[in-house]
N, C-alpha and C. Protein backbone atom coordinates (compact mmCIF):
# COMPACT_ATOMS: atom_id res chain seq x y z
N MET A 1 171.17 -9.62 280.72
CA MET A 1 172.06 -8.77 281.49
C MET A 1 173.43 -9.43 281.60
N GLU A 2 174.41 -8.63 281.51
CA GLU A 2 175.79 -9.09 281.59
C GLU A 2 176.26 -9.00 283.04
N LEU A 3 177.04 -9.99 283.49
CA LEU A 3 177.59 -9.96 284.84
C LEU A 3 178.69 -8.91 284.90
N LYS A 4 178.67 -8.11 285.97
CA LYS A 4 179.67 -7.06 286.16
C LYS A 4 180.10 -7.05 287.61
N ASP A 5 181.26 -6.47 287.86
CA ASP A 5 181.64 -6.25 289.25
C ASP A 5 180.74 -5.14 289.81
N THR A 6 180.65 -5.06 291.11
CA THR A 6 179.73 -4.13 291.76
C THR A 6 179.97 -2.68 291.35
N ARG A 7 181.23 -2.27 291.31
CA ARG A 7 181.54 -0.88 290.95
C ARG A 7 181.09 -0.55 289.54
N SER A 8 181.34 -1.45 288.61
CA SER A 8 180.93 -1.22 287.22
C SER A 8 179.41 -1.17 287.10
N GLY A 9 178.73 -2.03 287.85
CA GLY A 9 177.27 -2.02 287.86
C GLY A 9 176.73 -0.72 288.43
N PHE A 10 177.37 -0.23 289.49
CA PHE A 10 176.97 1.04 290.08
C PHE A 10 177.12 2.18 289.07
N GLY A 11 178.27 2.24 288.43
CA GLY A 11 178.52 3.30 287.44
C GLY A 11 177.56 3.24 286.27
N ALA A 12 177.35 2.04 285.75
CA ALA A 12 176.42 1.88 284.61
C ALA A 12 174.99 2.22 285.00
N GLY A 13 174.58 1.76 286.17
CA GLY A 13 173.24 2.05 286.64
C GLY A 13 173.02 3.53 286.90
N LEU A 14 174.03 4.17 287.46
CA LEU A 14 173.94 5.61 287.72
C LEU A 14 173.82 6.39 286.42
N THR A 15 174.60 6.01 285.43
CA THR A 15 174.54 6.67 284.13
C THR A 15 173.17 6.48 283.50
N GLN A 16 172.64 5.29 283.59
CA GLN A 16 171.30 4.99 283.04
C GLN A 16 170.23 5.82 283.74
N LEU A 17 170.31 5.89 285.07
CA LEU A 17 169.34 6.69 285.81
C LEU A 17 169.45 8.17 285.44
N GLY A 18 170.67 8.64 285.25
CA GLY A 18 170.88 10.04 284.87
C GLY A 18 170.24 10.38 283.54
N LYS A 19 170.24 9.43 282.62
CA LYS A 19 169.62 9.65 281.31
C LYS A 19 168.09 9.69 281.42
N SER A 20 167.54 8.92 282.33
CA SER A 20 166.08 8.82 282.42
C SER A 20 165.45 9.78 283.43
N ASN A 21 166.25 10.34 284.32
CA ASN A 21 165.69 11.22 285.35
C ASN A 21 166.60 12.43 285.57
N PRO A 22 166.15 13.62 285.19
CA PRO A 22 166.99 14.82 285.32
C PRO A 22 167.24 15.26 286.75
N ASN A 23 166.55 14.66 287.72
CA ASN A 23 166.77 15.01 289.12
C ASN A 23 167.88 14.18 289.77
N VAL A 24 168.39 13.18 289.09
CA VAL A 24 169.47 12.36 289.64
C VAL A 24 170.77 13.16 289.57
N VAL A 25 171.45 13.26 290.71
CA VAL A 25 172.75 13.92 290.78
C VAL A 25 173.74 12.95 291.41
N ALA A 26 175.02 13.17 291.15
CA ALA A 26 176.05 12.30 291.71
C ALA A 26 177.09 13.15 292.42
N LEU A 27 177.50 12.69 293.59
CA LEU A 27 178.54 13.33 294.36
C LEU A 27 179.62 12.30 294.63
N CYS A 28 180.87 12.71 294.54
CA CYS A 28 181.96 11.76 294.73
C CYS A 28 183.05 12.37 295.59
N ALA A 29 183.68 11.55 296.39
CA ALA A 29 184.77 11.97 297.27
C ALA A 29 186.11 11.49 296.72
N ASP A 30 186.50 12.04 295.59
CA ASP A 30 187.79 11.76 294.96
C ASP A 30 188.00 10.32 294.52
N LEU A 31 186.93 9.63 294.16
CA LEU A 31 187.04 8.24 293.73
C LEU A 31 186.28 7.98 292.43
N THR A 32 186.21 8.99 291.58
CA THR A 32 185.41 8.88 290.36
C THR A 32 185.80 7.68 289.52
N GLY A 33 187.09 7.50 289.27
CA GLY A 33 187.55 6.38 288.46
C GLY A 33 187.32 5.04 289.14
N SER A 34 187.66 4.96 290.42
CA SER A 34 187.51 3.70 291.15
C SER A 34 186.06 3.25 291.24
N LEU A 35 185.15 4.20 291.37
CA LEU A 35 183.74 3.86 291.51
C LEU A 35 182.98 3.90 290.19
N LYS A 36 183.72 4.04 289.09
CA LYS A 36 183.15 3.98 287.73
C LYS A 36 182.06 5.03 287.50
N MET A 37 182.28 6.22 288.01
CA MET A 37 181.33 7.31 287.85
C MET A 37 181.69 8.22 286.68
N ASN A 38 182.73 7.87 285.93
CA ASN A 38 183.20 8.71 284.83
C ASN A 38 182.15 8.94 283.75
N ASP A 39 181.41 7.89 283.37
CA ASP A 39 180.39 8.06 282.32
C ASP A 39 179.31 9.05 282.74
N PHE A 40 178.90 8.97 284.01
CA PHE A 40 177.91 9.93 284.50
C PHE A 40 178.50 11.34 284.42
N LYS A 41 179.73 11.49 284.84
CA LYS A 41 180.39 12.80 284.83
C LYS A 41 180.48 13.37 283.41
N VAL A 42 180.80 12.53 282.44
CA VAL A 42 180.91 12.97 281.04
C VAL A 42 179.54 13.33 280.47
N ASN A 43 178.54 12.49 280.74
CA ASN A 43 177.20 12.69 280.18
C ASN A 43 176.38 13.76 280.88
N HIS A 44 176.68 14.02 282.15
CA HIS A 44 175.88 14.96 282.94
C HIS A 44 176.80 15.82 283.82
N PRO A 45 177.70 16.58 283.23
CA PRO A 45 178.66 17.34 284.04
C PRO A 45 178.01 18.36 284.97
N GLU A 46 176.85 18.86 284.59
CA GLU A 46 176.16 19.84 285.42
C GLU A 46 175.50 19.22 286.65
N ARG A 47 175.46 17.87 286.68
CA ARG A 47 174.85 17.16 287.80
C ARG A 47 175.86 16.29 288.54
N PHE A 48 177.14 16.51 288.28
CA PHE A 48 178.19 15.75 288.95
C PHE A 48 178.99 16.70 289.83
N PHE A 49 179.19 16.31 291.09
CA PHE A 49 179.88 17.16 292.05
C PHE A 49 181.03 16.39 292.70
N GLN A 50 182.23 16.86 292.46
CA GLN A 50 183.42 16.29 293.08
C GLN A 50 183.69 17.09 294.35
N VAL A 51 183.49 16.47 295.50
CA VAL A 51 183.63 17.20 296.76
C VAL A 51 184.99 17.03 297.40
N GLY A 52 185.83 16.20 296.82
CA GLY A 52 187.16 15.97 297.40
C GLY A 52 187.06 15.05 298.61
N VAL A 53 188.14 15.04 299.36
CA VAL A 53 188.20 14.15 300.53
C VAL A 53 187.46 14.82 301.68
N ALA A 54 186.14 14.76 301.61
CA ALA A 54 185.27 15.41 302.59
C ALA A 54 183.96 14.63 302.67
N GLU A 55 184.07 13.37 303.07
CA GLU A 55 182.93 12.47 303.03
C GLU A 55 181.74 12.94 303.86
N ALA A 56 182.00 13.41 305.07
CA ALA A 56 180.89 13.87 305.92
C ALA A 56 180.20 15.07 305.28
N ASN A 57 180.97 15.97 304.71
CA ASN A 57 180.38 17.12 304.02
C ASN A 57 179.57 16.67 302.81
N MET A 58 180.07 15.66 302.10
CA MET A 58 179.36 15.16 300.93
C MET A 58 177.97 14.65 301.31
N ILE A 59 177.88 13.96 302.42
CA ILE A 59 176.58 13.44 302.87
C ILE A 59 175.66 14.60 303.24
N GLY A 60 176.19 15.63 303.87
CA GLY A 60 175.40 16.80 304.21
C GLY A 60 174.90 17.53 302.97
N ILE A 61 175.76 17.65 301.97
CA ILE A 61 175.38 18.28 300.70
C ILE A 61 174.27 17.47 300.04
N ALA A 62 174.44 16.17 300.01
CA ALA A 62 173.44 15.29 299.40
C ALA A 62 172.10 15.42 300.12
N ALA A 63 172.13 15.48 301.44
CA ALA A 63 170.88 15.64 302.20
C ALA A 63 170.21 16.95 301.85
N GLY A 64 170.98 18.02 301.73
CA GLY A 64 170.42 19.31 301.35
C GLY A 64 169.82 19.29 299.96
N MET A 65 170.44 18.56 299.04
CA MET A 65 169.92 18.49 297.67
C MET A 65 168.54 17.85 297.61
N THR A 66 168.26 16.95 298.53
CA THR A 66 166.95 16.29 298.52
C THR A 66 165.83 17.29 298.80
N ILE A 67 166.14 18.32 299.58
CA ILE A 67 165.13 19.34 299.88
C ILE A 67 164.71 20.06 298.60
N GLY A 68 165.64 20.20 297.66
CA GLY A 68 165.34 20.84 296.39
C GLY A 68 164.80 19.88 295.34
N GLY A 69 164.50 18.65 295.73
CA GLY A 69 163.91 17.69 294.81
C GLY A 69 164.90 16.84 294.03
N LYS A 70 166.18 16.94 294.36
CA LYS A 70 167.19 16.13 293.68
C LYS A 70 167.24 14.73 294.31
N ILE A 71 167.77 13.80 293.54
CA ILE A 71 167.94 12.42 294.00
C ILE A 71 169.44 12.14 293.97
N PRO A 72 170.13 12.35 295.10
CA PRO A 72 171.58 12.22 295.11
C PRO A 72 172.06 10.78 295.29
N PHE A 73 173.15 10.47 294.58
CA PHE A 73 173.88 9.23 294.77
C PHE A 73 175.30 9.63 295.14
N THR A 74 175.79 9.10 296.25
CA THR A 74 177.12 9.46 296.72
C THR A 74 178.08 8.31 296.50
N GLY A 75 179.34 8.66 296.28
CA GLY A 75 180.35 7.63 296.05
C GLY A 75 181.58 7.84 296.89
N THR A 76 181.85 6.88 297.74
CA THR A 76 183.09 6.84 298.52
C THR A 76 183.27 5.41 299.02
N LEU A 77 184.28 5.18 299.81
CA LEU A 77 184.51 3.87 300.40
C LEU A 77 183.91 3.85 301.80
N LEU A 78 183.32 2.74 302.19
CA LEU A 78 182.67 2.63 303.48
C LEU A 78 183.59 3.00 304.63
N ILE A 79 184.83 2.67 304.53
CA ILE A 79 185.76 2.93 305.63
C ILE A 79 185.79 4.42 305.99
N PHE A 80 185.54 5.28 305.01
CA PHE A 80 185.56 6.72 305.28
C PHE A 80 184.24 7.23 305.85
N LEU A 81 183.17 6.48 305.64
CA LEU A 81 181.87 6.88 306.18
C LEU A 81 181.55 6.20 307.50
N LEU A 82 182.18 5.08 307.78
CA LEU A 82 181.84 4.30 308.96
C LEU A 82 181.95 5.09 310.26
N PRO A 83 183.02 5.85 310.50
CA PRO A 83 183.06 6.61 311.76
C PRO A 83 181.90 7.59 311.89
N GLU A 84 181.53 8.24 310.79
CA GLU A 84 180.40 9.17 310.79
C GLU A 84 179.10 8.41 311.08
N CYS A 85 178.92 7.27 310.45
CA CYS A 85 177.72 6.47 310.66
C CYS A 85 177.63 6.00 312.11
N MET A 86 178.73 5.55 312.65
CA MET A 86 178.72 5.04 314.02
C MET A 86 178.41 6.16 315.01
N THR A 87 178.91 7.34 314.73
CA THR A 87 178.68 8.47 315.62
C THR A 87 177.24 8.93 315.56
N LYS A 88 176.72 9.11 314.36
CA LYS A 88 175.39 9.71 314.21
C LYS A 88 174.26 8.70 314.13
N LEU A 89 174.52 7.51 313.62
CA LEU A 89 173.44 6.55 313.38
C LEU A 89 173.57 5.28 314.20
N GLY A 90 174.62 5.17 314.97
CA GLY A 90 174.88 3.93 315.71
C GLY A 90 173.71 3.44 316.52
N SER A 91 173.00 4.37 317.15
CA SER A 91 171.89 3.95 317.99
C SER A 91 170.71 3.41 317.17
N GLN A 92 170.61 3.83 315.90
CA GLN A 92 169.52 3.34 315.06
C GLN A 92 169.91 2.12 314.24
N TRP A 93 171.19 1.89 314.07
CA TRP A 93 171.67 0.76 313.28
C TRP A 93 172.42 -0.21 314.20
N PRO A 94 171.70 -1.15 314.80
CA PRO A 94 172.33 -2.06 315.77
C PRO A 94 173.54 -2.81 315.20
N ILE A 95 173.55 -3.09 313.90
CA ILE A 95 174.68 -3.83 313.34
C ILE A 95 175.97 -3.05 313.47
N LEU A 96 175.90 -1.71 313.43
CA LEU A 96 177.10 -0.90 313.57
C LEU A 96 177.69 -0.98 314.96
N LYS A 97 176.84 -1.23 315.96
CA LYS A 97 177.33 -1.36 317.33
C LYS A 97 178.23 -2.57 317.48
N LYS A 98 178.00 -3.60 316.66
CA LYS A 98 178.77 -4.84 316.76
C LYS A 98 180.11 -4.74 316.06
N MET A 99 180.30 -3.72 315.24
CA MET A 99 181.54 -3.59 314.48
C MET A 99 182.64 -2.97 315.33
């Protein structure tokens, strides 16, 4: 295995999973290039969803997709999800309370 930065590893791994499992879908919040999701988008355009700058909505969409048997992978920066996590999951994730 070749050493890669985290984003490149995420993108490569996502593309590999997409080839081996037709239920894998990817959702991105306007960071396709930064998160190295381009290969997945090119290879599986019917399973790639660009939701724009709507991180909370993206998580809701991904949750809904699981009901239909899909395996969603979401891509955004933590800073955009952290307020949502702290609001909805803070009581279950003690580490978020310390932030």
